[in-house]
Amino acid sequence: MRKTYKMEVDCATCASKIEDALNKLDGVKEARVNFMTQKLILDIEGKDIDTILVEAKKIAKKVDRDTEIYA
């Protein structure tokens, strides 16, 4: 299942770090964070999307406390 979310991320480096961390999550087939469009695209396999989204928000906050992901 592929879902797109609006997000606010302050810099391209933070976006890259968040993307790398999300791609390591169990159940994430592919994660893409686009700094220019301020979007997160999650391709999930075998897990609940809401569970992954909660983890994604935690990871984003660890990288940059001002980052927001809107469901």
Protein backbone atom coordinates (compact mmCIF):
# COMPACT_ATOMS: atom_id res chain seq x y z
CA MET A 1 0.00 0.00 0.00
CA ARG A 2 1.36 3.40 -0.97
CA LYS A 3 0.30 6.56 0.89
CA THR A 4 1.40 10.18 0.53
CA TYR A 5 1.53 12.61 3.45
CA LYS A 6 2.18 16.31 3.68
CA MET A 7 5.09 17.14 5.91
CA GLU A 8 7.15 20.10 7.05
CA VAL A 9 10.89 19.54 7.09
CA ASP A 10 13.37 22.40 7.43
CA CYS A 11 16.33 21.24 5.35
CA ALA A 12 17.34 18.76 2.67
CA THR A 13 19.84 17.08 4.99
CA CYS A 14 17.13 16.40 7.56
CA ALA A 15 14.86 15.05 4.83
CA SER A 16 17.60 12.67 3.72
CA LYS A 17 18.27 11.45 7.28
CA ILE A 18 14.56 10.86 7.88
CA GLU A 19 14.23 8.97 4.59
CA ASP A 20 17.23 6.75 5.42
CA ALA A 21 15.83 5.93 8.87
CA LEU A 22 12.33 5.20 7.55
CA ASN A 23 13.69 2.82 4.94
CA LYS A 24 15.17 0.72 7.77
CA LEU A 25 11.80 0.22 9.49
CA ASP A 26 10.29 -3.24 9.38
CA GLY A 27 7.32 -3.23 7.01
CA VAL A 28 8.51 -0.28 4.94
CA LYS A 29 9.08 -1.34 1.36
CA GLU A 30 10.14 2.18 0.33
CA ALA A 31 10.08 5.63 1.92
CA ARG A 32 10.72 8.84 0.05
CA VAL A 33 10.93 12.29 1.57
CA ASN A 34 10.85 15.13 -0.94
CA PHE A 35 12.18 18.35 0.58
CA MET A 36 11.07 20.50 -2.35
CA THR A 37 7.42 19.37 -2.32
CA GLN A 38 7.35 18.77 1.45
CA LYS A 39 5.87 15.29 0.99
CA LEU A 40 6.46 11.85 2.45
CA ILE A 41 5.61 8.80 0.37
CA LEU A 42 5.43 5.50 2.23
CA ASP A 43 5.13 2.16 0.49
CA ILE A 44 4.13 -0.34 3.19
CA GLU A 45 4.12 -4.11 3.07
CA GLY A 46 2.77 -6.45 5.74
CA LYS A 47 2.17 -3.94 8.52
CA ASP A 48 -0.55 -1.51 9.55
CA ILE A 49 -0.02 1.93 7.99
CA ASP A 50 -1.03 3.68 11.22
CA THR A 51 1.64 1.80 13.18
CA ILE A 52 4.27 2.78 10.64
CA LEU A 53 3.08 6.40 10.67
CA VAL A 54 3.48 6.62 14.46
CA GLU A 55 7.04 5.33 14.13
CA ALA A 56 7.73 7.72 11.24
CA LYS A 57 6.64 10.69 13.34
CA LYS A 58 8.93 9.61 16.20
CA ILE A 59 11.88 9.23 13.84
CA ALA A 60 11.22 12.61 12.22
CA LYS A 61 11.11 14.32 15.63
CA LYS A 62 14.44 12.72 16.62
CA VAL A 63 16.11 14.10 13.50
CA ASP A 64 14.52 17.57 13.72
CA ARG A 65 12.11 18.48 16.48
CA ASP A 66 10.31 20.98 14.21
CA THR A 67 9.42 18.35 11.58
CA GLU A 68 5.71 17.55 11.23
CA ILE A 69 3.96 14.78 9.31
CA TYR A 70 0.27 15.31 8.65
CA ALA A 71 -2.01 12.29 8.29
